Amino acid sequence: MARVDLTVRGGGIFGLSIAWAAARRGAKVRLIETQRIGAGSSGGVVGALSPHVPENWNAKKAFQLQSLLMAQGWWQAVESAAALPTGYARSGRLQPLADAAAVDLAQKRATTARDLWQGQAEWRLIPATGAAWEPASPSGWLVHDTLSARLHPRMAAAALVAAIRAKGGEVIIGDGADEGPVVWATGLAGLQALSHDLGRTVGDGVKGQALLLRHAAETLPQLFVAGLHIIPHADGTVAIGSTSEHQWSDPASTDDQLTALHSAAIAALPVLAGAEVIERWAGVRPRAKSRAPLLGHWPGRPGHYLANGGFKIGFGMAPKVAEVMADLVLEDKDTIPEGFHL
């Protein structure tokens, strides 16, 4: 590569997406990942792209909405360039409602969603039918939202690598030299480095554990039941996630919390009782203190930028994060919400 317009550090979902967005605009991109693609939480199994509830609206929720609405076309472009699948499908989500109060709240949210979601998706109540792929609902009602989507994290990462290379970009695993402006999208290590640089804590990591089951439900919606995500993937697997742990000794170890997670999934959806467990996964998700992504200039380091803190919604935020970071780095156009700046 004769010249490099932009270096991206980090082979997780933010780094890969930013590199793709820049390469798609004609920039010569070098992405450097010191370990492996998806070495952190982006190498997990869940891949839920789900919206915040349509109430108490703020800049973070509006940004996420824009990202979810643009996701289908954005991921289709990745698949086209890569000639590989990402596992993306806007297949919706079902949530059971416990009682009359929950039904009343859901009805109010349905009204709000009609305005906030711009008529491009629905949050609606539907009667429970007792179907096999349907959680039991004490009230007899379910929320069905048509905005939620799913993505296979590892398929998506592989497709992004291929798409970047198809546009003439470099993807280096190991050591590499920085050229041009540098975007740091290095997850927990990046948050720790930034905290050290600034002399104050700007974020930390939250460990999560998840399961992957062998069960074919490719065309069915994801489920959200009492904090539990059940995500059917395009490859005939179902992901179950996840725990949240603020203290741990080994970031990659799994334990009996997954046994409880598995039992809860079967209780919520008995059709999974005979499904083989094919993977137990654990990883640490980077979380900024603000709970919003950290995007923009790295303070005191001209020519350096940061994109971090995706936490549980990194995959859903990735398309919009990628485009606003490409705006900033390539065109000096800052369209990042004020609350996302450091």
C-alpha atoms as a PDB file:
ATOM      1  CA  MET A   1       0.000   0.000   0.000  1.00  0.00           C
ATOM      2  CA  ALA A   2       1.657   3.234  -1.180  1.00  0.00           C
ATOM      3  CA  ARG A   3       0.083   5.489   1.413  1.00  0.00           C
ATOM      4  CA  VAL A   4      -2.259   5.217   4.360  1.00  0.00           C
ATOM      5  CA  ASP A   5      -4.927   7.833   5.034  1.00  0.00           C
ATOM      6  CA  LEU A   6      -6.085   6.350   8.331  1.00  0.00           C
ATOM      7  CA  THR A   7      -4.910   3.799  10.881  1.00  0.00           C
ATOM      8  CA  VAL A   8      -7.460   2.038  13.062  1.00  0.00           C
ATOM      9  CA  ARG A   9      -6.258   0.243  16.165  1.00  0.00           C
ATOM     10  CA  GLY A  10      -8.499  -2.606  17.315  1.00  0.00           C
ATOM     11  CA  GLY A  11     -10.208  -5.501  15.551  1.00  0.00           C
ATOM     12  CA  GLY A  12     -13.499  -5.402  17.459  1.00  0.00           C
ATOM     13  CA  ILE A  13     -16.820  -4.244  16.110  1.00  0.00           C
ATOM     14  CA  PHE A  14     -16.091  -0.495  16.430  1.00  0.00           C
ATOM     15  CA  GLY A  15     -12.643  -0.703  14.849  1.00  0.00           C
ATOM     16  CA  LEU A  16     -13.741  -2.934  11.971  1.00  0.00           C
ATOM     17  CA  SER A  17     -16.840  -0.853  11.268  1.00  0.00           C
ATOM     18  CA  ILE A  18     -14.917   2.439  11.233  1.00  0.00           C
ATOM     19  CA  ALA A  19     -12.268   0.973   8.935  1.00  0.00           C
ATOM     20  CA  TRP A  20     -14.995  -0.252   6.578  1.00  0.00           C
ATOM     21  CA  ALA A  21     -16.829   3.074   6.559  1.00  0.00           C
ATOM     22  CA  ALA A  22     -13.599   4.911   5.733  1.00  0.00           C
ATOM     23  CA  ALA A  23     -12.528   2.415   3.054  1.00  0.00           C
ATOM     24  CA  ARG A  24     -15.985   2.597   1.494  1.00  0.00           C
ATOM     25  CA  ARG A  25     -15.442   6.363   1.086  1.00  0.00           C
ATOM     26  CA  GLY A  26     -12.200   5.792  -0.774  1.00  0.00           C
ATOM     27  CA  ALA A  27      -9.705   6.198   2.075  1.00  0.00           C
ATOM     28  CA  LYS A  28      -6.654   3.951   2.241  1.00  0.00           C
ATOM     29  CA  VAL A  29      -7.075   2.207   5.580  1.00  0.00           C
ATOM     30  CA  ARG A  30      -4.769   0.149   7.785  1.00  0.00           C
ATOM     31  CA  LEU A  31      -6.379  -1.776  10.650  1.00  0.00           C
ATOM     32  CA  ILE A  32      -4.045  -3.234  13.254  1.00  0.00           C
ATOM     33  CA  GLU A  33      -5.170  -5.869  15.757  1.00  0.00           C
ATOM     34  CA  THR A  34      -2.449  -7.166  18.070  1.00  0.00           C
ATOM     35  CA  GLN A  35      -4.139 -10.470  19.042  1.00  0.00           C
ATOM     36  CA  ARG A  36      -6.947 -11.692  16.788  1.00  0.00           C
ATOM     37  CA  ILE A  37     -10.123 -10.332  15.239  1.00  0.00           C
ATOM     38  CA  GLY A  38     -12.818 -10.216  17.913  1.00  0.00           C
ATOM     39  CA  ALA A  39     -10.321 -10.879  20.712  1.00  0.00           C
ATOM     40  CA  GLY A  40     -12.494  -9.009  23.209  1.00  0.00           C
ATOM     41  CA  SER A  41     -16.231  -8.944  23.682  1.00  0.00           C
ATOM     42  CA  SER A  42     -16.824  -8.584  19.928  1.00  0.00           C
ATOM     43  CA  GLY A  43     -15.872 -12.231  19.571  1.00  0.00           C
ATOM     44  CA  GLY A  44     -18.892 -13.351  21.572  1.00  0.00           C
ATOM     45  CA  VAL A  45     -22.008 -15.231  20.551  1.00  0.00           C
ATOM     46  CA  VAL A  46     -25.075 -13.109  21.400  1.00  0.00           C
ATOM     47  CA  GLY A  47     -25.438 -10.457  18.666  1.00  0.00           C
ATOM     48  CA  ALA A  48     -28.700  -8.833  19.798  1.00  0.00           C
ATOM     49  CA  LEU A  49     -29.457  -5.528  18.060  1.00  0.00           C
ATOM     50  CA  SER A  50     -32.329  -4.250  20.170  1.00  0.00           C
ATOM     51  CA  PRO A  51     -33.660  -0.756  20.894  1.00  0.00           C
ATOM     52  CA  HIS A  52     -34.081   1.022  24.166  1.00  0.00           C
ATOM     53  CA  VAL A  53     -37.696   1.365  25.248  1.00  0.00           C
ATOM     54  CA  PRO A  54     -39.463   4.244  23.455  1.00  0.00           C
ATOM     55  CA  GLU A  55     -39.741   6.636  26.376  1.00  0.00           C
ATOM     56  CA  ASN A  56     -37.618   9.196  28.273  1.00  0.00           C
ATOM     57  CA  TRP A  57     -36.054  10.087  24.929  1.00  0.00           C
ATOM     58  CA  ASN A  58     -32.482  11.381  24.807  1.00  0.00           C
ATOM     59  CA  ALA A  59     -29.544  11.742  22.400  1.00  0.00           C
ATOM     60  CA  LYS A  60     -28.261   8.232  23.086  1.00  0.00           C
ATOM     61  CA  LYS A  61     -31.602   6.617  22.260  1.00  0.00           C
ATOM     62  CA  ALA A  62     -31.995   8.771  19.136  1.00  0.00           C
ATOM     63  CA  PHE A  63     -28.502   7.827  17.948  1.00  0.00           C
ATOM     64  CA  GLN A  64     -29.201   4.145  18.530  1.00  0.00           C
ATOM     65  CA  LEU A  65     -32.489   4.421  16.636  1.00  0.00           C
ATOM     66  CA  GLN A  66     -30.725   5.939  13.629  1.00  0.00           C
ATOM     67  CA  SER A  67     -28.149   3.158  13.718  1.00  0.00           C
ATOM     68  CA  LEU A  68     -30.754   0.395  13.912  1.00  0.00           C
ATOM     69  CA  LEU A  69     -32.760   1.912  11.063  1.00  0.00           C
ATOM     70  CA  MET A  70     -29.725   2.158   8.777  1.00  0.00           C
ATOM     71  CA  ALA A  71     -28.371  -1.276   9.755  1.00  0.00           C
ATOM     72  CA  GLN A  72     -30.037  -3.417   7.101  1.00  0.00           C
ATOM     73  CA  GLY A  73     -28.657  -1.471   4.150  1.00  0.00           C
ATOM     74  CA  TRP A  74     -25.309  -0.982   5.874  1.00  0.00           C
ATOM     75  CA  TRP A  75     -24.778  -4.681   6.531  1.00  0.00           C
ATOM     76  CA  GLN A  76     -26.016  -5.591   3.060  1.00  0.00           C
ATOM     77  CA  ALA A  77     -23.252  -3.387   1.645  1.00  0.00           C
ATOM     78  CA  VAL A  78     -20.700  -5.255   3.801  1.00  0.00           C
ATOM     79  CA  GLU A  79     -21.999  -8.607   2.560  1.00  0.00           C
ATOM     80  CA  SER A  80     -21.899  -7.432  -1.052  1.00  0.00           C
ATOM     81  CA  ALA A  81     -18.297  -6.239  -0.828  1.00  0.00           C
ATOM     82  CA  ALA A  82     -17.135  -9.268   1.169  1.00  0.00           C
ATOM     83  CA  ALA A  83     -19.154 -11.968  -0.627  1.00  0.00           C
ATOM     84  CA  LEU A  84     -19.734 -13.361   2.861  1.00  0.00           C
ATOM     85  CA  PRO A  85     -22.783 -13.441   5.161  1.00  0.00           C
ATOM     86  CA  THR A  86     -23.011 -11.423   8.364  1.00  0.00           C
ATOM     87  CA  GLY A  87     -25.997 -13.242   9.850  1.00  0.00           C
ATOM     88  CA  TYR A  88     -27.987 -10.001   9.913  1.00  0.00           C
ATOM     89  CA  ALA A  89     -31.780 -10.180   9.930  1.00  0.00           C
ATOM     90  CA  ARG A  90     -34.333  -7.707  11.218  1.00  0.00           C
ATOM     91  CA  SER A  91     -36.441 -10.497  12.645  1.00  0.00           C
ATOM     92  CA  GLY A  92     -38.049  -8.622  15.566  1.00  0.00           C
ATOM     93  CA  ARG A  93     -38.392  -9.455  19.219  1.00  0.00           C
ATOM     94  CA  LEU A  94     -41.030 -10.840  21.604  1.00  0.00           C
ATOM     95  CA  GLN A  95     -41.357  -9.964  25.298  1.00  0.00           C
ATOM     96  CA  PRO A  96     -43.961 -11.391  27.711  1.00  0.00           C
ATOM     97  CA  LEU A  97     -46.013  -9.065  29.904  1.00  0.00           C
ATOM     98  CA  ALA A  98     -46.437 -10.099  33.520  1.00  0.00           C
ATOM     99  CA  ASP A  99     -49.668  -8.360  34.533  1.00  0.00           C
ATOM    100  CA  ALA A 100     -52.205  -5.644  33.787  1.00  0.00           C
ATOM    101  CA  ALA A 101     -49.786  -2.892  34.844  1.00  0.00           C
ATOM    102  CA  ALA A 102     -47.193  -4.157  32.386  1.00  0.00           C
ATOM    103  CA  VAL A 103     -49.814  -4.286  29.639  1.00  0.00           C
ATOM    104  CA  ASP A 104     -50.837  -0.688  30.356  1.00  0.00           C
ATOM    105  CA  LEU A 105     -47.210   0.488  30.237  1.00  0.00           C
ATOM    106  CA  ALA A 106     -46.617  -1.396  26.994  1.00  0.00           C
ATOM    107  CA  GLN A 107     -49.658   0.268  25.429  1.00  0.00           C
ATOM    108  CA  LYS A 108     -48.298   3.689  26.368  1.00  0.00           C
ATOM    109  CA  ARG A 109     -44.940   2.785  24.857  1.00  0.00           C
ATOM    110  CA  ALA A 110     -46.670   1.655  21.666  1.00  0.00           C
ATOM    111  CA  THR A 111     -48.163   5.137  21.325  1.00  0.00           C
ATOM    112  CA  THR A 112     -44.798   6.789  21.962  1.00  0.00           C
ATOM    113  CA  ALA A 113     -43.043   4.493  19.494  1.00  0.00           C
ATOM    114  CA  ARG A 114     -45.371   5.606  16.702  1.00  0.00           C
ATOM    115  CA  ASP A 115     -43.913   9.081  17.024  1.00  0.00           C
ATOM    116  CA  LEU A 116     -40.316   8.378  17.992  1.00  0.00           C
ATOM    117  CA  TRP A 117     -39.686   5.532  15.565  1.00  0.00           C
ATOM    118  CA  GLN A 118     -40.863   7.655  12.640  1.00  0.00           C
ATOM    119  CA  GLY A 119     -43.257   5.026  11.326  1.00  0.00           C
ATOM    120  CA  GLN A 120     -40.334   2.815  10.311  1.00  0.00           C
ATOM    121  CA  ALA A 121     -40.912   0.190  13.001  1.00  0.00           C
ATOM    122  CA  GLU A 122     -43.609  -0.825  15.460  1.00  0.00           C
ATOM    123  CA  TRP A 123     -43.880  -1.583  19.167  1.00  0.00           C
ATOM    124  CA  ARG A 124     -47.194  -3.374  19.423  1.00  0.00           C
ATOM    125  CA  LEU A 125     -49.129  -5.719  21.668  1.00  0.00           C
ATOM    126  CA  ILE A 126     -50.132  -9.128  20.355  1.00  0.00           C
ATOM    127  CA  PRO A 127     -52.055 -11.942  22.079  1.00  0.00           C
ATOM    128  CA  ALA A 128     -50.075 -14.940  23.241  1.00  0.00           C
ATOM    129  CA  THR A 129     -50.855 -18.066  21.222  1.00  0.00           C
ATOM    130  CA  GLY A 130     -48.915 -20.756  23.083  1.00  0.00           C
ATOM    131  CA  ALA A 131     -46.650 -21.440  20.099  1.00  0.00           C
ATOM    132  CA  ALA A 132     -43.460 -23.397  20.762  1.00  0.00           C
ATOM    133  CA  TRP A 133     -41.236 -20.358  20.056  1.00  0.00           C
ATOM    134  CA  GLU A 134     -43.074 -18.057  22.405  1.00  0.00           C
ATOM    135  CA  PRO A 135     -42.427 -17.350  26.091  1.00  0.00           C
ATOM    136  CA  ALA A 136     -45.289 -17.923  28.506  1.00  0.00           C
ATOM    137  CA  SER A 137     -47.056 -14.670  29.302  1.00  0.00           C
ATOM    138  CA  PRO A 138     -49.044 -14.445  32.575  1.00  0.00           C
ATOM    139  CA  SER A 139     -51.098 -11.562  31.193  1.00  0.00           C
ATOM    140  CA  GLY A 140     -51.823 -13.315  27.909  1.00  0.00           C
ATOM    141  CA  TRP A 141     -50.081 -10.533  25.968  1.00  0.00           C
ATOM    142  CA  LEU A 142     -46.687 -10.060  24.359  1.00  0.00           C
ATOM    143  CA  VAL A 143     -44.807  -7.043  23.070  1.00  0.00           C
ATOM    144  CA  HIS A 144     -43.697  -7.508  19.488  1.00  0.00           C
ATOM    145  CA  ASP A 145     -41.259  -4.908  18.234  1.00  0.00           C
ATOM    146  CA  THR A 146     -40.232  -4.923  14.575  1.00  0.00           C
ATOM    147  CA  LEU A 147     -37.088  -2.821  15.076  1.00  0.00           C
ATOM    148  CA  SER A 148     -34.978  -5.474  16.799  1.00  0.00           C
ATOM    149  CA  ALA A 149     -32.520  -7.396  14.662  1.00  0.00           C
ATOM    150  CA  ARG A 150     -29.833  -9.996  15.122  1.00  0.00           C
ATOM    151  CA  LEU A 151     -26.281 -10.334  13.820  1.00  0.00           C
ATOM    152  CA  HIS A 152     -23.832 -13.199  14.143  1.00  0.00           C
ATOM    153  CA  PRO A 153     -20.790 -11.533  15.771  1.00  0.00           C
ATOM    154  CA  ARG A 154     -18.136 -13.786  14.269  1.00  0.00           C
ATOM    155  CA  MET A 155     -19.676 -13.945  10.818  1.00  0.00           C
ATOM    156  CA  ALA A 156     -20.025 -10.156  10.834  1.00  0.00           C
ATOM    157  CA  ALA A 157     -16.383  -9.674  11.863  1.00  0.00           C
ATOM    158  CA  ALA A 158     -15.122 -12.011   9.137  1.00  0.00           C
ATOM    159  CA  ALA A 159     -17.263 -10.224   6.556  1.00  0.00           C
ATOM    160  CA  LEU A 160     -15.959  -6.818   7.658  1.00  0.00           C
ATOM    161  CA  VAL A 161     -12.350  -7.982   7.302  1.00  0.00           C
ATOM    162  CA  ALA A 162     -13.063  -9.265   3.784  1.00  0.00           C
ATOM    163  CA  ALA A 163     -14.954  -6.083   2.857  1.00  0.00           C
ATOM    164  CA  ILE A 164     -12.105  -3.838   4.049  1.00  0.00           C
ATOM    165  CA  ARG A 165      -9.606  -5.829   2.024  1.00  0.00           C
ATOM    166  CA  ALA A 166     -11.895  -5.804  -1.013  1.00  0.00           C
ATOM    167  CA  LYS A 167     -11.748  -1.985  -0.875  1.00  0.00           C
ATOM    168  CA  GLY A 168      -7.944  -2.044  -0.829  1.00  0.00           C
ATOM    169  CA  GLY A 169      -7.483  -1.778   2.935  1.00  0.00           C
ATOM    170  CA  GLU A 170      -4.946  -3.612   5.066  1.00  0.00           C
ATOM    171  CA  VAL A 171      -5.860  -5.779   8.048  1.00  0.00           C
ATOM    172  CA  ILE A 172      -2.763  -6.637  10.085  1.00  0.00           C
ATOM    173  CA  ILE A 173      -2.750  -9.167  12.918  1.00  0.00           C
ATOM    174  CA  GLY A 174       0.266  -8.452  15.100  1.00  0.00           C
ATOM    175  CA  ASP A 175       2.555  -5.471  14.919  1.00  0.00           C
ATOM    176  CA  GLY A 176       2.167  -2.601  12.479  1.00  0.00           C
ATOM    177  CA  ALA A 177       3.082   1.048  12.035  1.00  0.00           C
ATOM    178  CA  ASP A 178       0.666   3.926  12.455  1.00  0.00           C
ATOM    179  CA  GLU A 179       0.265   6.252   9.488  1.00  0.00           C
ATOM    180  CA  GLY A 180      -2.051   9.221   9.205  1.00  0.00           C
ATOM    181  CA  PRO A 181      -4.603   9.914  11.919  1.00  0.00           C
ATOM    182  CA  VAL A 182      -5.138   7.050  14.344  1.00  0.00           C
ATOM    183  CA  VAL A 183      -8.464   5.832  15.734  1.00  0.00           C
ATOM    184  CA  TRP A 184      -8.141   3.846  18.948  1.00  0.00           C
ATOM    185  CA  ALA A 185     -10.947   1.282  19.235  1.00  0.00           C
ATOM    186  CA  THR A 186      -9.232  -1.054  21.646  1.00  0.00           C
ATOM    187  CA  GLY A 187     -11.953  -1.949  24.138  1.00  0.00           C
ATOM    188  CA  LEU A 188     -11.113  -2.397  27.803  1.00  0.00           C
ATOM    189  CA  ALA A 189      -7.370  -1.902  27.256  1.00  0.00           C
ATOM    190  CA  GLY A 190      -8.149   1.370  25.519  1.00  0.00           C
ATOM    191  CA  LEU A 191     -10.333   2.593  28.372  1.00  0.00           C
ATOM    192  CA  GLN A 192      -7.585   1.738  30.827  1.00  0.00           C
ATOM    193  CA  ALA A 193      -4.956   3.540  28.719  1.00  0.00           C
ATOM    194  CA  LEU A 194      -7.191   6.588  28.395  1.00  0.00           C
ATOM    195  CA  SER A 195      -7.859   6.634  32.151  1.00  0.00           C
ATOM    196  CA  HIS A 196      -4.126   6.458  32.853  1.00  0.00           C
ATOM    197  CA  ASP A 197      -3.415   9.213  30.344  1.00  0.00           C
ATOM    198  CA  LEU A 198      -6.022  11.548  31.835  1.00  0.00           C
ATOM    199  CA  GLY A 199      -5.394  10.666  35.476  1.00  0.00           C
ATOM    200  CA  ARG A 200      -9.017   9.742  36.110  1.00  0.00           C
ATOM    201  CA  THR A 201     -11.252   6.763  35.458  1.00  0.00           C
ATOM    202  CA  VAL A 202     -13.347   7.158  32.315  1.00  0.00           C
ATOM    203  CA  GLY A 203     -14.629   3.596  32.128  1.00  0.00           C
ATOM    204  CA  ASP A 204     -14.181  -0.006  33.103  1.00  0.00           C
ATOM    205  CA  GLY A 205     -15.127  -3.500  32.027  1.00  0.00           C
ATOM    206  CA  VAL A 206     -18.088  -5.697  32.847  1.00  0.00           C
ATOM    207  CA  LYS A 207     -17.638  -9.407  32.327  1.00  0.00           C
ATOM    208  CA  GLY A 208     -20.395 -11.372  30.614  1.00  0.00           C
ATOM    209  CA  GLN A 209     -20.980 -15.069  30.080  1.00  0.00           C
ATOM    210  CA  ALA A 210     -23.182 -16.633  27.393  1.00  0.00           C
ATOM    211  CA  LEU A 211     -24.149 -19.981  25.907  1.00  0.00           C
ATOM    212  CA  LEU A 212     -24.540 -21.227  22.355  1.00  0.00           C
ATOM    213  CA  LEU A 213     -27.008 -24.045  21.674  1.00  0.00           C
ATOM    214  CA  ARG A 214     -27.581 -26.145  18.573  1.00  0.00           C
ATOM    215  CA  HIS A 215     -31.189 -25.443  17.621  1.00  0.00           C
ATOM    216  CA  ALA A 216     -32.580 -24.402  14.249  1.00  0.00           C
ATOM    217  CA  ALA A 217     -34.780 -21.295  14.537  1.00  0.00           C
ATOM    218  CA  GLU A 218     -33.209 -19.091  11.871  1.00  0.00           C
ATOM    219  CA  THR A 219     -36.319 -17.189  10.802  1.00  0.00           C
ATOM    220  CA  LEU A 220     -37.848 -16.693  14.245  1.00  0.00           C
ATOM    221  CA  PRO A 221     -37.741 -13.544  16.413  1.00  0.00           C
ATOM    222  CA  GLN A 222     -35.416 -13.062  19.338  1.00  0.00           C
ATOM    223  CA  LEU A 223     -36.908 -13.201  22.828  1.00  0.00           C
ATOM    224  CA  PHE A 224     -36.326 -11.074  25.909  1.00  0.00           C
ATOM    225  CA  VAL A 225     -37.603 -12.700  29.094  1.00  0.00           C
ATOM    226  CA  ALA A 226     -36.812 -11.374  32.588  1.00  0.00           C
ATOM    227  CA  GLY A 227     -33.463  -9.962  31.505  1.00  0.00           C
ATOM    228  CA  LEU A 228     -32.567 -13.028  29.440  1.00  0.00           C
ATOM    229  CA  HIS A 229     -31.740 -12.724  25.718  1.00  0.00           C
ATOM    230  CA  ILE A 230     -32.546 -15.689  23.465  1.00  0.00           C
ATOM    231  CA  ILE A 231     -31.193 -15.045  19.948  1.00  0.00           C
ATOM    232  CA  PRO A 232     -31.691 -17.458  17.025  1.00  0.00           C
ATOM    233  CA  HIS A 233     -28.838 -17.194  14.518  1.00  0.00           C
ATOM    234  CA  ALA A 234     -28.580 -17.823  10.793  1.00  0.00           C
ATOM    235  CA  ASP A 235     -26.304 -20.865  11.227  1.00  0.00           C
ATOM    236  CA  GLY A 236     -28.815 -22.985  13.154  1.00  0.00           C
ATOM    237  CA  THR A 237     -27.652 -21.956  16.614  1.00  0.00           C
ATOM    238  CA  VAL A 238     -29.339 -20.081  19.450  1.00  0.00           C
ATOM    239  CA  ALA A 239     -27.406 -17.765  21.766  1.00  0.00           C
ATOM    240  CA  ILE A 240     -28.376 -17.323  25.407  1.00  0.00           C
ATOM    241  CA  GLY A 241     -27.041 -14.291  27.222  1.00  0.00           C
ATOM    242  CA  SER A 242     -25.890 -12.976  29.428  1.00  0.00           C
ATOM    243  CA  THR A 243     -24.484 -12.405  32.899  1.00  0.00           C
ATOM    244  CA  SER A 244     -23.067  -9.099  34.174  1.00  0.00           C
ATOM    245  CA  GLU A 245     -20.119  -9.330  36.562  1.00  0.00           C
ATOM    246  CA  HIS A 246     -18.286  -6.312  37.944  1.00  0.00           C
ATOM    247  CA  GLN A 247     -15.660  -8.362  39.738  1.00  0.00           C
ATOM    248  CA  TRP A 248     -13.806 -11.353  38.353  1.00  0.00           C
ATOM    249  CA  SER A 249     -10.387 -13.023  38.434  1.00  0.00           C
ATOM    250  CA  ASP A 250     -10.290 -14.573  34.945  1.00  0.00           C
ATOM    251  CA  PRO A 251     -11.997 -12.629  32.128  1.00  0.00           C
ATOM    252  CA  ALA A 252     -12.328 -15.706  29.901  1.00  0.00           C
ATOM    253  CA  SER A 253     -13.476 -18.311  32.438  1.00  0.00           C
ATOM    254  CA  THR A 254     -17.002 -19.685  32.678  1.00  0.00           C
ATOM    255  CA  ASP A 255     -18.671 -21.034  35.784  1.00  0.00           C
ATOM    256  CA  ASP A 256     -21.954 -22.238  37.274  1.00  0.00           C
ATOM    257  CA  GLN A 257     -23.647 -18.951  36.413  1.00  0.00           C
ATOM    258  CA  LEU A 258     -24.058 -20.448  32.944  1.00  0.00           C
ATOM    259  CA  THR A 259     -25.867 -23.429  34.447  1.00  0.00           C
ATOM    260  CA  ALA A 260     -28.395 -21.024  35.948  1.00  0.00           C
ATOM    261  CA  LEU A 261     -28.594 -19.140  32.639  1.00  0.00           C
ATOM    262  CA  HIS A 262     -29.273 -22.389  30.780  1.00  0.00           C
ATOM    263  CA  SER A 263     -31.979 -23.429  33.241  1.00  0.00           C
ATOM    264  CA  ALA A 264     -33.654 -20.037  32.962  1.00  0.00           C
ATOM    265  CA  ALA A 265     -33.667 -20.287  29.165  1.00  0.00           C
ATOM    266  CA  ILE A 266     -35.302 -23.708  29.230  1.00  0.00           C
ATOM    267  CA  ALA A 267     -37.878 -22.528  31.775  1.00  0.00           C
ATOM    268  CA  ALA A 268     -38.694 -19.583  29.509  1.00  0.00           C
ATOM    269  CA  LEU A 269     -38.731 -21.667  26.334  1.00  0.00           C
ATOM    270  CA  PRO A 270     -39.127 -25.421  26.960  1.00  0.00           C
ATOM    271  CA  VAL A 271     -38.477 -26.238  23.284  1.00  0.00           C
ATOM    272  CA  LEU A 272     -34.780 -25.661  24.065  1.00  0.00           C
ATOM    273  CA  ALA A 273     -34.660 -28.460  26.642  1.00  0.00           C
ATOM    274  CA  GLY A 274     -33.033 -30.971  24.296  1.00  0.00           C
ATOM    275  CA  ALA A 275     -30.732 -28.554  22.497  1.00  0.00           C
ATOM    276  CA  GLU A 276     -27.029 -29.392  22.669  1.00  0.00           C
ATOM    277  CA  VAL A 277     -24.760 -26.847  24.349  1.00  0.00           C
ATOM    278  CA  ILE A 278     -21.967 -26.307  21.828  1.00  0.00           C
ATOM    279  CA  GLU A 279     -20.109 -23.399  23.426  1.00  0.00           C
ATOM    280  CA  ARG A 280     -19.688 -21.634  26.759  1.00  0.00           C
ATOM    281  CA  TRP A 281     -18.270 -18.134  26.267  1.00  0.00           C
ATOM    282  CA  ALA A 282     -17.021 -15.357  28.532  1.00  0.00           C
ATOM    283  CA  GLY A 283     -15.536 -11.936  27.819  1.00  0.00           C
ATOM    284  CA  VAL A 284     -15.272  -8.402  29.168  1.00  0.00           C
ATOM    285  CA  ARG A 285     -17.363  -5.613  27.648  1.00  0.00           C
ATOM    286  CA  PRO A 286     -15.948  -2.051  27.749  1.00  0.00           C
ATOM    287  CA  ARG A 287     -18.290   0.373  29.521  1.00  0.00           C
ATOM    288  CA  ALA A 288     -17.767   4.135  29.772  1.00  0.00           C
ATOM    289  CA  LYS A 289     -18.795   5.858  33.001  1.00  0.00           C
ATOM    290  CA  SER A 290     -21.382   7.810  31.017  1.00  0.00           C
ATOM    291  CA  ARG A 291     -22.918   4.531  29.747  1.00  0.00           C
ATOM    292  CA  ALA A 292     -22.750   6.060  26.238  1.00  0.00           C
ATOM    293  CA  PRO A 293     -20.000   5.351  23.700  1.00  0.00           C
ATOM    294  CA  LEU A 294     -16.898   7.555  23.936  1.00  0.00           C
ATOM    295  CA  LEU A 295     -16.253   9.070  20.505  1.00  0.00           C
ATOM    296  CA  GLY A 296     -14.107  11.881  19.197  1.00  0.00           C
ATOM    297  CA  HIS A 297     -10.659  13.405  19.746  1.00  0.00           C
ATOM    298  CA  TRP A 298      -8.233  11.898  22.250  1.00  0.00           C
ATOM    299  CA  PRO A 299      -7.565  14.857  24.580  1.00  0.00           C
ATOM    300  CA  GLY A 300      -4.015  16.201  24.323  1.00  0.00           C
ATOM    301  CA  ARG A 301      -3.027  13.896  21.445  1.00  0.00           C
ATOM    302  CA  PRO A 302      -3.441  15.688  18.113  1.00  0.00           C
ATOM    303  CA  GLY A 303      -4.306  13.357  15.271  1.00  0.00           C
ATOM    304  CA  HIS A 304      -5.540  10.647  17.620  1.00  0.00           C
ATOM    305  CA  TYR A 305      -9.189   9.696  18.114  1.00  0.00           C
ATOM    306  CA  LEU A 306     -11.123   7.252  20.227  1.00  0.00           C
ATOM    307  CA  ALA A 307     -14.140   5.024  19.691  1.00  0.00           C
ATOM    308  CA  ASN A 308     -14.903   2.926  22.741  1.00  0.00           C
ATOM    309  CA  GLY A 309     -17.475   1.935  25.339  1.00  0.00           C
ATOM    310  CA  GLY A 310     -19.937  -0.025  23.220  1.00  0.00           C
ATOM    311  CA  PHE A 311     -20.782  -2.200  26.242  1.00  0.00           C
ATOM    312  CA  LYS A 312     -23.960  -4.223  25.491  1.00  0.00           C
ATOM    313  CA  ILE A 313     -25.107  -2.190  22.480  1.00  0.00           C
ATOM    314  CA  GLY A 314     -21.905  -1.977  20.446  1.00  0.00           C
ATOM    315  CA  PHE A 315     -23.152  -4.059  17.529  1.00  0.00           C
ATOM    316  CA  GLY A 316     -26.373  -2.082  17.307  1.00  0.00           C
ATOM    317  CA  MET A 317     -24.520   1.247  17.482  1.00  0.00           C
ATOM    318  CA  ALA A 318     -21.719   0.235  15.091  1.00  0.00           C
ATOM    319  CA  PRO A 319     -23.108   1.490  11.741  1.00  0.00           C
ATOM    320  CA  LYS A 320     -23.820   4.990  13.046  1.00  0.00           C
ATOM    321  CA  VAL A 321     -20.615   5.101  15.115  1.00  0.00           C
ATOM    322  CA  ALA A 322     -18.634   4.169  12.008  1.00  0.00           C
ATOM    323  CA  GLU A 323     -20.184   6.890   9.872  1.00  0.00           C
ATOM    324  CA  VAL A 324     -19.812   9.732  12.406  1.00  0.00           C
ATOM    325  CA  MET A 325     -16.202   8.750  13.084  1.00  0.00           C
ATOM    326  CA  ALA A 326     -15.475   8.705   9.338  1.00  0.00           C
ATOM    327  CA  ASP A 327     -17.098  12.147   9.120  1.00  0.00           C
ATOM    328  CA  LEU A 328     -14.842  13.442  11.872  1.00  0.00           C
ATOM    329  CA  VAL A 329     -11.527  11.903  10.837  1.00  0.00           C
ATOM    330  CA  LEU A 330     -11.797  12.190   7.050  1.00  0.00           C
ATOM    331  CA  GLU A 331     -13.852  15.371   6.669  1.00  0.00           C
ATOM    332  CA  ASP A 332     -13.340  17.190   9.977  1.00  0.00           C
ATOM    333  CA  LYS A 333     -17.122  17.206  10.372  1.00  0.00           C
ATOM    334  CA  ASP A 334     -18.278  16.613  13.938  1.00  0.00           C
ATOM    335  CA  THR A 335     -21.762  15.061  14.010  1.00  0.00           C
ATOM    336  CA  ILE A 336     -21.194  13.192  17.281  1.00  0.00           C
ATOM    337  CA  PRO A 337     -23.782  13.809  20.031  1.00  0.00           C
ATOM    338  CA  GLU A 338     -22.426  16.080  22.748  1.00  0.00           C
ATOM    339  CA  GLY A 339     -22.918  13.411  25.417  1.00  0.00           C
ATOM    340  CA  PHE A 340     -20.619  11.014  23.553  1.00  0.00           C
ATOM    341  CA  HIS A 341     -17.589  13.334  23.663  1.00  0.00           C
ATOM    342  CA  LEU A 342     -15.130  12.740  26.470  1.00  0.00           C
END
